[in-house]
Each structure stands twice: as structure tokens, then as C-alpha cells.
Amino acid sequence: METKVLEIINEIRVVKGLTPVSVMNPAMTLRDDLNLTSFDLAELTVKLEDEFDIDIFEDGLVSTLGEVFNKLTRI
């Protein structure tokens, strides 16, 4: 699961011209550490929903990778 999340995040980052991330830490923030904008977060939501059949923002804001992982492990 974490490998797929990293792959999806890197797809978004590469399109933006950012360097892919090689290691993820659950404490990393989506906005500050991974430089994802609101548009990027919307794209991330769609891609994660397609892959894992879950809306990570359904129950409120998610701001760190750890929170994303927690949502995905509850499915």
C-alpha cells in the first residue's frame, strides 16, 4: 500500500517538475513537505479512490502521510 501511495504522489510531483520522493515518513505533510497544492490534493484523492476505493477526505482533512496510511489501513 505504501509503495502505491509513493508511486501516486511521485506521478503528481513529476508532472509539476518536482523531484520524485524516494523515502516517505508518516510525519511528512502533504502541503509543506511534499509541496502539494489544493489541486494536487484533489488529484491525489481521485487516484487513491480509484486505487483503494476510499475517499481519504470523506471524514475531514488529512494533512500528513501517516493520516493517509491510517485511512487506507481501515479499509
C-alpha atoms as a PDB file:
ATOM      1  CA  MET A   1       0.000   0.000   0.000  1.00  0.00           C
ATOM      2  CA  GLU A   2       2.727   2.492   0.947  1.00  0.00           C
ATOM      3  CA  THR A   3       4.597   1.743  -2.277  1.00  0.00           C
ATOM      4  CA  LYS A   4       1.476   2.520  -4.332  1.00  0.00           C
ATOM      5  CA  VAL A   5       0.895   5.777  -2.415  1.00  0.00           C
ATOM      6  CA  LEU A   6       4.516   6.773  -3.086  1.00  0.00           C
ATOM      7  CA  GLU A   7       4.039   5.965  -6.772  1.00  0.00           C
ATOM      8  CA  ILE A   8       0.891   8.107  -6.983  1.00  0.00           C
ATOM      9  CA  ILE A   9       2.493  11.033  -5.135  1.00  0.00           C
ATOM     10  CA  ASN A  10       5.541  10.867  -7.390  1.00  0.00           C
ATOM     11  CA  GLU A  11       3.342  10.858 -10.511  1.00  0.00           C
ATOM     12  CA  ILE A  12       1.823  14.125  -9.308  1.00  0.00           C
ATOM     13  CA  ARG A  13       5.213  15.608  -8.324  1.00  0.00           C
ATOM     14  CA  VAL A  14       6.887  14.725 -11.641  1.00  0.00           C
ATOM     15  CA  VAL A  15       4.122  16.415 -13.646  1.00  0.00           C
ATOM     16  CA  LYS A  16       4.783  19.552 -11.565  1.00  0.00           C
ATOM     17  CA  GLY A  17       8.506  19.332 -12.365  1.00  0.00           C
ATOM     18  CA  LEU A  18       9.436  18.289  -8.824  1.00  0.00           C
ATOM     19  CA  THR A  19      11.930  15.590  -7.931  1.00  0.00           C
ATOM     20  CA  PRO A  20      10.352  12.257  -7.018  1.00  0.00           C
ATOM     21  CA  VAL A  21      10.430  11.325  -3.348  1.00  0.00           C
ATOM     22  CA  SER A  22      12.408   8.157  -2.605  1.00  0.00           C
ATOM     23  CA  VAL A  23      11.532   7.721   1.069  1.00  0.00           C
ATOM     24  CA  MET A  24       8.325   8.613   2.835  1.00  0.00           C
ATOM     25  CA  ASN A  25       7.938   9.360   6.512  1.00  0.00           C
ATOM     26  CA  PRO A  26       4.446   9.241   8.089  1.00  0.00           C
ATOM     27  CA  ALA A  27       5.112  12.661   9.657  1.00  0.00           C
ATOM     28  CA  MET A  28       5.595  14.287   6.224  1.00  0.00           C
ATOM     29  CA  THR A  29       2.930  16.856   5.435  1.00  0.00           C
ATOM     30  CA  LEU A  30       1.201  16.769   2.076  1.00  0.00           C
ATOM     31  CA  ARG A  31       1.422  20.523   1.559  1.00  0.00           C
ATOM     32  CA  ASP A  32       4.688  21.612   3.158  1.00  0.00           C
ATOM     33  CA  ASP A  33       6.947  18.567   2.840  1.00  0.00           C
ATOM     34  CA  LEU A  34       5.585  17.177  -0.436  1.00  0.00           C
ATOM     35  CA  ASN A  35       4.663  20.571  -1.950  1.00  0.00           C
ATOM     36  CA  LEU A  36       1.163  19.510  -2.995  1.00  0.00           C
ATOM     37  CA  THR A  37      -1.351  22.248  -3.792  1.00  0.00           C
ATOM     38  CA  SER A  38      -5.120  22.053  -3.346  1.00  0.00           C
ATOM     39  CA  PHE A  39      -5.390  20.930  -6.968  1.00  0.00           C
ATOM     40  CA  ASP A  40      -2.752  18.239  -6.345  1.00  0.00           C
ATOM     41  CA  LEU A  41      -4.639  17.039  -3.256  1.00  0.00           C
ATOM     42  CA  ALA A  42      -7.805  16.740  -5.330  1.00  0.00           C
ATOM     43  CA  GLU A  43      -5.881  14.671  -7.884  1.00  0.00           C
ATOM     44  CA  LEU A  44      -4.384  12.571  -5.084  1.00  0.00           C
ATOM     45  CA  THR A  45      -7.870  11.935  -3.698  1.00  0.00           C
ATOM     46  CA  VAL A  46      -9.172  10.765  -7.075  1.00  0.00           C
ATOM     47  CA  LYS A  47      -6.188   8.500  -7.706  1.00  0.00           C
ATOM     48  CA  LEU A  48      -6.349   6.961  -4.217  1.00  0.00           C
ATOM     49  CA  GLU A  49     -10.092   6.459  -4.561  1.00  0.00           C
ATOM     50  CA  ASP A  50      -9.573   4.715  -7.910  1.00  0.00           C
ATOM     51  CA  GLU A  51      -6.830   2.511  -6.479  1.00  0.00           C
ATOM     52  CA  PHE A  52      -8.195   1.755  -2.999  1.00  0.00           C
ATOM     53  CA  ASP A  53     -11.914   2.618  -3.317  1.00  0.00           C
ATOM     54  CA  ILE A  54     -11.826   5.119  -0.442  1.00  0.00           C
ATOM     55  CA  ASP A  55     -12.152   8.907  -0.199  1.00  0.00           C
ATOM     56  CA  ILE A  56      -9.387   9.893   2.215  1.00  0.00           C
ATOM     57  CA  PHE A  57     -11.006  13.290   2.836  1.00  0.00           C
ATOM     58  CA  GLU A  58     -14.507  11.915   3.475  1.00  0.00           C
ATOM     59  CA  ASP A  59     -14.255  12.309   7.259  1.00  0.00           C
ATOM     60  CA  GLY A  60     -12.338  15.581   7.239  1.00  0.00           C
ATOM     61  CA  LEU A  61      -8.948  16.974   6.344  1.00  0.00           C
ATOM     62  CA  VAL A  62      -5.898  14.784   6.021  1.00  0.00           C
ATOM     63  CA  SER A  63      -2.588  16.621   6.252  1.00  0.00           C
ATOM     64  CA  THR A  64       0.144  14.000   6.748  1.00  0.00           C
ATOM     65  CA  LEU A  65       1.171  10.768   5.088  1.00  0.00           C
ATOM     66  CA  GLY A  66       0.522   8.979   8.360  1.00  0.00           C
ATOM     67  CA  GLU A  67      -3.104  10.105   8.259  1.00  0.00           C
ATOM     68  CA  VAL A  68      -3.385   8.869   4.662  1.00  0.00           C
ATOM     69  CA  PHE A  69      -1.930   5.490   5.665  1.00  0.00           C
ATOM     70  CA  ASN A  70      -4.308   5.257   8.643  1.00  0.00           C
ATOM     71  CA  LYS A  71      -7.316   5.854   6.387  1.00  0.00           C
ATOM     72  CA  LEU A  72      -6.109   3.268   3.893  1.00  0.00           C
ATOM     73  CA  THR A  73      -5.454   0.598   6.512  1.00  0.00           C
ATOM     74  CA  ARG A  74      -9.024   0.891   7.793  1.00  0.00           C
ATOM     75  CA  ILE A  75     -10.461  -0.408   4.529  1.00  0.00           C
END
